[in-house]
Protein backbone atom coordinates (compact mmCIF):
# COMPACT_ATOMS: atom_id res chain seq x y z
CA GLN A 1 34.21 -56.79 55.38
CA VAL A 2 35.69 -58.35 52.24
CA GLN A 3 33.92 -57.55 49.00
CA LEU A 4 34.36 -58.78 45.44
CA VAL A 5 33.67 -56.36 42.60
CA GLU A 6 33.39 -57.60 39.02
CA SER A 7 33.76 -55.59 35.84
CA GLY A 8 34.23 -56.12 32.13
CA GLY A 9 30.90 -57.55 31.05
CA GLY A 10 28.97 -56.32 28.04
CA LEU A 11 27.49 -57.14 24.67
CA VAL A 12 29.68 -58.95 22.16
CA GLN A 13 29.11 -60.70 18.86
CA PRO A 14 29.64 -64.45 18.52
CA GLY A 15 33.32 -65.19 18.07
CA GLY A 16 34.31 -62.10 20.02
CA SER A 17 36.24 -61.71 23.27
CA LEU A 18 35.75 -60.18 26.69
CA ARG A 19 37.96 -59.94 29.74
CA LEU A 20 36.31 -59.99 33.15
CA SER A 21 38.05 -58.68 36.25
CA CYS A 22 37.28 -59.28 39.91
CA VAL A 23 38.92 -57.13 42.55
CA ALA A 24 38.83 -58.15 46.20
CA SER A 25 38.76 -55.30 48.68
CA GLY A 26 39.83 -55.79 52.25
CA SER A 27 41.90 -58.62 53.55
CA ILE A 28 41.76 -61.85 51.58
CA SER A 29 44.23 -64.65 51.97
CA ASN A 30 46.28 -65.52 48.94
CA ILE A 31 45.69 -69.19 49.65
CA ARG A 32 42.00 -68.92 48.88
CA PRO A 33 40.84 -70.44 45.63
CA MET A 34 39.04 -67.95 43.40
CA ALA A 35 36.41 -68.85 40.85
CA TRP A 36 34.01 -67.61 38.23
CA TYR A 37 30.45 -68.87 38.06
CA ARG A 38 27.70 -67.97 35.61
CA GLN A 39 23.94 -68.14 35.57
CA ALA A 40 21.96 -68.15 32.35
CA PRO A 41 18.27 -67.15 32.32
CA GLY A 42 16.15 -69.98 33.71
CA LYS A 43 19.17 -72.10 34.60
CA GLU A 44 21.08 -72.87 37.76
CA ARG A 45 24.34 -71.16 38.57
CA GLU A 46 27.31 -73.21 37.34
CA LEU A 47 31.03 -73.19 37.96
CA VAL A 48 32.94 -71.91 34.93
CA ALA A 49 36.53 -71.91 36.16
CA ILE A 50 38.52 -72.00 39.38
CA ILE A 51 42.12 -71.17 40.18
CA PHE A 52 43.95 -72.32 43.29
CA SER A 53 46.83 -70.63 45.06
CA GLY A 54 49.33 -72.87 43.28
CA ARG A 55 47.94 -71.68 39.91
CA THR A 56 46.18 -74.99 39.27
CA THR A 57 43.09 -74.35 37.16
CA VAL A 58 39.92 -76.28 36.45
CA TYR A 59 37.36 -75.49 33.75
CA VAL A 60 33.89 -76.68 32.89
CA ASP A 61 34.08 -78.73 29.66
CA SER A 62 32.06 -76.23 27.63
CA VAL A 63 34.69 -73.48 27.98
CA LYS A 64 37.91 -75.49 27.79
CA GLY A 65 40.27 -74.06 25.18
CA ARG A 66 38.29 -70.79 24.99
CA PHE A 67 38.42 -69.29 28.50
CA THR A 68 41.48 -68.63 30.66
CA ILE A 69 41.37 -67.84 34.37
CA SER A 70 44.32 -66.12 36.02
CA ARG A 71 45.07 -64.29 39.25
CA ASP A 72 47.32 -61.49 40.42
CA ASN A 73 47.72 -62.01 44.15
CA ALA A 74 49.55 -58.71 44.64
CA LYS A 75 46.47 -56.91 43.32
CA ASN A 76 43.91 -59.30 44.89
CA THR A 77 42.48 -59.67 41.40
CA VAL A 78 41.27 -62.60 39.34
CA TYR A 79 40.62 -62.41 35.61
CA LEU A 80 38.60 -64.41 33.13
CA GLN A 81 39.70 -64.05 29.51
CA MET A 82 36.87 -65.26 27.29
CA ASP A 83 37.59 -65.90 23.60
CA SER A 84 35.53 -67.41 20.78
CA LEU A 85 32.38 -66.50 22.64
CA LYS A 86 29.13 -68.28 21.82
CA PRO A 87 25.50 -67.33 22.46
CA ASP A 88 25.39 -70.13 25.08
CA ASP A 89 27.96 -68.17 27.11
CA THR A 90 25.34 -65.51 27.80
CA GLY A 91 24.55 -64.99 31.46
CA VAL A 92 25.48 -63.18 34.63
CA TYR A 93 29.04 -63.96 35.66
CA TYR A 94 29.87 -64.01 39.35
CA CYS A 95 33.21 -63.91 41.09
CA ASN A 96 33.55 -66.18 44.11
CA SER A 97 36.06 -66.84 46.84
CA MET A 98 34.97 -69.45 49.34
CA THR A 99 31.73 -68.02 50.83
CA ILE A 100 32.09 -64.54 49.33
CA TRP A 101 30.25 -63.55 46.14
CA GLY A 102 30.39 -60.50 43.92
CA GLN A 103 27.31 -58.75 42.58
CA GLY A 104 27.72 -60.18 39.07
CA THR A 105 28.36 -58.72 35.63
CA GLN A 106 26.19 -59.35 32.58
CA VAL A 107 27.69 -60.98 29.50
CA THR A 108 25.54 -61.10 26.38
CA VAL A 109 26.72 -62.84 23.22
CA SER A 110 24.47 -61.96 20.32
CA SER A 111 24.58 -60.76 16.74
């Protein structure tokens, strides 16, 4: 059974940075796209960024230029580097690979 485990969330002041990690345990093909989603209180879950096996990346407009998604296939790990964080970035961040979801990690941006 493949599982995704996120880490790296926390409380940060506006303008600060966080780096999220998602480790896949078990067998997961390196051709799978991997993605980060987030869900703010009272809002629907939204795609934040996705990275394909060929390193192609796609970002939601609101994080372009501030967030960077990357993957280390040898470690079955995907990262989300988040810079210049804003209060609107607050939410639970979920790692996703096809139909598999992690448990989520809370990110709170507040002064």
